[in-house]
Amino acid sequence: MSVRERKIVYTVVAALISSCVGLVAAMLKLSEGAAFADCLVAAGVGFAGSMAVCLPVLMFLLA
């Protein structure tokens, strides 16, 4: 597997992990009884925060 292919695979894995984090954040917010719009905001913040952590870690590992 080339370096380029490995970077693509790691980026997809980071996106999947971040999607799971966003989904869990939305479910936690929904279990509190929040409105649907608040759940979407929580999911977006969870996804963005997780990607902000995952991508620099991946860049460090692939450097």
N, C-alpha and C. Protein backbone atom coordinates (compact mmCIF):
# COMPACT_ATOMS: atom_id res chain seq x y z
N MET A 1 0.85 -1.17 0.00
CA MET A 1 0.00 0.00 0.00
C MET A 1 0.90 1.24 0.00
N SER A 2 0.62 2.15 -0.92
CA SER A 2 1.45 3.34 -1.03
C SER A 2 1.10 4.34 0.08
N VAL A 3 1.93 5.34 0.22
CA VAL A 3 1.72 6.36 1.25
C VAL A 3 0.43 7.13 0.98
N ARG A 4 0.18 7.42 -0.29
CA ARG A 4 -1.04 8.15 -0.65
C ARG A 4 -2.29 7.35 -0.29
N GLU A 5 -2.29 6.07 -0.58
CA GLU A 5 -3.43 5.22 -0.25
C GLU A 5 -3.62 5.12 1.26
N ARG A 6 -2.51 5.04 1.98
CA ARG A 6 -2.59 4.96 3.43
C ARG A 6 -3.18 6.24 4.02
N LYS A 7 -2.81 7.39 3.46
CA LYS A 7 -3.37 8.66 3.92
C LYS A 7 -4.87 8.72 3.68
N ILE A 8 -5.31 8.23 2.53
CA ILE A 8 -6.74 8.22 2.22
C ILE A 8 -7.50 7.32 3.19
N VAL A 9 -6.95 6.15 3.45
CA VAL A 9 -7.60 5.22 4.37
C VAL A 9 -7.67 5.81 5.78
N TYR A 10 -6.60 6.42 6.25
CA TYR A 10 -6.59 7.02 7.58
C TYR A 10 -7.56 8.19 7.68
N THR A 11 -7.68 8.96 6.61
CA THR A 11 -8.62 10.08 6.61
C THR A 11 -10.06 9.57 6.66
N VAL A 12 -10.35 8.51 5.95
CA VAL A 12 -11.69 7.92 6.00
C VAL A 12 -11.98 7.35 7.38
N VAL A 13 -10.99 6.72 7.98
CA VAL A 13 -11.17 6.19 9.34
C VAL A 13 -11.41 7.33 10.33
N ALA A 14 -10.69 8.44 10.18
CA ALA A 14 -10.91 9.59 11.06
C ALA A 14 -12.31 10.15 10.88
N ALA A 15 -12.81 10.18 9.65
CA ALA A 15 -14.16 10.67 9.40
C ALA A 15 -15.21 9.74 10.01
N LEU A 16 -14.97 8.43 9.93
CA LEU A 16 -15.91 7.48 10.54
C LEU A 16 -15.92 7.59 12.06
N ILE A 17 -14.75 7.73 12.65
CA ILE A 17 -14.67 7.91 14.10
C ILE A 17 -15.39 9.18 14.52
N SER A 18 -15.17 10.25 13.76
CA SER A 18 -15.80 11.52 14.08
C SER A 18 -17.31 11.45 13.90
N SER A 19 -17.76 10.70 12.92
CA SER A 19 -19.21 10.52 12.73
C SER A 19 -19.82 9.79 13.93
N CYS A 20 -19.12 8.80 14.43
CA CYS A 20 -19.60 8.08 15.62
C CYS A 20 -19.65 9.00 16.83
N VAL A 21 -18.64 9.83 16.99
CA VAL A 21 -18.63 10.78 18.11
C VAL A 21 -19.80 11.76 17.98
N GLY A 22 -20.04 12.26 16.77
CA GLY A 22 -21.16 13.16 16.56
C GLY A 22 -22.50 12.49 16.83
N LEU A 23 -22.63 11.24 16.43
CA LEU A 23 -23.86 10.49 16.68
C LEU A 23 -24.10 10.29 18.17
N VAL A 24 -23.06 9.95 18.90
CA VAL A 24 -23.20 9.77 20.35
C VAL A 24 -23.55 11.09 21.02
N ALA A 25 -22.93 12.18 20.56
CA ALA A 25 -23.25 13.49 21.14
C ALA A 25 -24.72 13.85 20.90
N ALA A 26 -25.22 13.56 19.70
CA ALA A 26 -26.63 13.84 19.41
C ALA A 26 -27.56 12.97 20.25
N MET A 27 -27.21 11.70 20.42
CA MET A 27 -28.05 10.83 21.23
C MET A 27 -28.07 11.25 22.69
N LEU A 28 -26.92 11.68 23.19
CA LEU A 28 -26.88 12.16 24.58
C LEU A 28 -27.74 13.41 24.75
N LYS A 29 -27.66 14.30 23.78
CA LYS A 29 -28.47 15.52 23.85
C LYS A 29 -29.95 15.19 23.73
N LEU A 30 -30.29 14.23 22.89
CA LEU A 30 -31.68 13.82 22.73
C LEU A 30 -32.21 13.16 24.00
N SER A 31 -31.35 12.41 24.69
CA SER A 31 -31.80 11.76 25.92
C SER A 31 -32.07 12.77 27.04
N GLU A 32 -31.50 13.97 26.90
CA GLU A 32 -31.78 15.03 27.87
C GLU A 32 -33.12 15.70 27.60
N GLY A 33 -33.71 15.41 26.45
CA GLY A 33 -34.99 16.01 26.09
C GLY A 33 -34.84 17.29 25.29
N ALA A 34 -33.71 17.49 24.68
CA ALA A 34 -33.46 18.71 23.91
C ALA A 34 -34.21 18.65 22.58
N ALA A 35 -34.37 19.81 21.97
CA ALA A 35 -35.02 19.90 20.67
C ALA A 35 -34.12 19.30 19.59
N PHE A 36 -34.73 19.01 18.43
CA PHE A 36 -33.98 18.39 17.34
C PHE A 36 -32.85 19.29 16.86
N ALA A 37 -33.11 20.59 16.79
CA ALA A 37 -32.07 21.53 16.33
C ALA A 37 -30.88 21.53 17.28
N ASP A 38 -31.14 21.44 18.57
CA ASP A 38 -30.04 21.39 19.54
C ASP A 38 -29.24 20.10 19.39
N CYS A 39 -29.92 19.02 19.05
CA CYS A 39 -29.23 17.74 18.81
C CYS A 39 -28.31 17.83 17.60
N LEU A 40 -28.78 18.52 16.55
CA LEU A 40 -27.94 18.69 15.36
C LEU A 40 -26.72 19.54 15.67
N VAL A 41 -26.89 20.57 16.47
CA VAL A 41 -25.75 21.40 16.85
C VAL A 41 -24.74 20.59 17.65
N ALA A 42 -25.23 19.79 18.58
CA ALA A 42 -24.34 18.96 19.38
C ALA A 42 -23.60 17.95 18.50
N ALA A 43 -24.28 17.39 17.51
CA ALA A 43 -23.64 16.44 16.60
C ALA A 43 -22.55 17.14 15.79
N GLY A 44 -22.84 18.34 15.31
CA GLY A 44 -21.85 19.09 14.54
C GLY A 44 -20.63 19.45 15.35
N VAL A 45 -20.86 19.88 16.57
CA VAL A 45 -19.74 20.24 17.45
C VAL A 45 -18.91 19.00 17.79
N GLY A 46 -19.58 17.89 18.05
CA GLY A 46 -18.86 16.65 18.34
C GLY A 46 -18.03 16.17 17.15
N PHE A 47 -18.61 16.25 15.96
CA PHE A 47 -17.89 15.84 14.75
C PHE A 47 -16.69 16.75 14.51
N ALA A 48 -16.91 18.05 14.58
CA ALA A 48 -15.82 18.99 14.30
C ALA A 48 -14.71 18.88 15.34
N GLY A 49 -15.08 18.72 16.60
CA GLY A 49 -14.07 18.57 17.64
C GLY A 49 -13.26 17.30 17.48
N SER A 50 -13.93 16.24 17.11
CA SER A 50 -13.22 14.98 16.92
C SER A 50 -12.28 15.05 15.71
N MET A 51 -12.72 15.67 14.63
CA MET A 51 -11.85 15.83 13.46
C MET A 51 -10.67 16.73 13.79
N ALA A 52 -10.91 17.75 14.63
CA ALA A 52 -9.82 18.65 15.01
C ALA A 52 -8.76 17.92 15.82
N VAL A 53 -9.14 16.84 16.48
CA VAL A 53 -8.16 16.05 17.23
C VAL A 53 -7.54 14.97 16.33
N CYS A 54 -8.38 14.31 15.53
CA CYS A 54 -7.90 13.18 14.72
C CYS A 54 -6.92 13.59 13.63
N LEU A 55 -7.21 14.66 12.90
CA LEU A 55 -6.38 15.01 11.75
C LEU A 55 -4.95 15.40 12.13
N PRO A 56 -4.73 16.24 13.15
CA PRO A 56 -3.33 16.50 13.51
C PRO A 56 -2.58 15.26 14.00
N VAL A 57 -3.29 14.38 14.71
CA VAL A 57 -2.65 13.14 15.15
C VAL A 57 -2.24 12.30 13.95
N LEU A 58 -3.11 12.22 12.96
CA LEU A 58 -2.79 11.45 11.76
C LEU A 58 -1.63 12.09 10.99
N MET A 59 -1.61 13.41 10.90
CA MET A 59 -0.52 14.08 10.20
C MET A 59 0.81 13.82 10.91
N PHE A 60 0.76 13.77 12.25
CA PHE A 60 1.98 13.48 13.02
C PHE A 60 2.42 12.05 12.76
N LEU A 61 1.48 11.11 12.73
CA LEU A 61 1.84 9.71 12.53
C LEU A 61 2.34 9.43 11.12
N LEU A 62 1.83 10.15 10.15
CA LEU A 62 2.21 9.92 8.76
C LEU A 62 3.41 10.73 8.31
N ALA A 63 3.89 11.63 9.15
CA ALA A 63 5.02 12.48 8.76
C ALA A 63 6.32 11.70 8.79
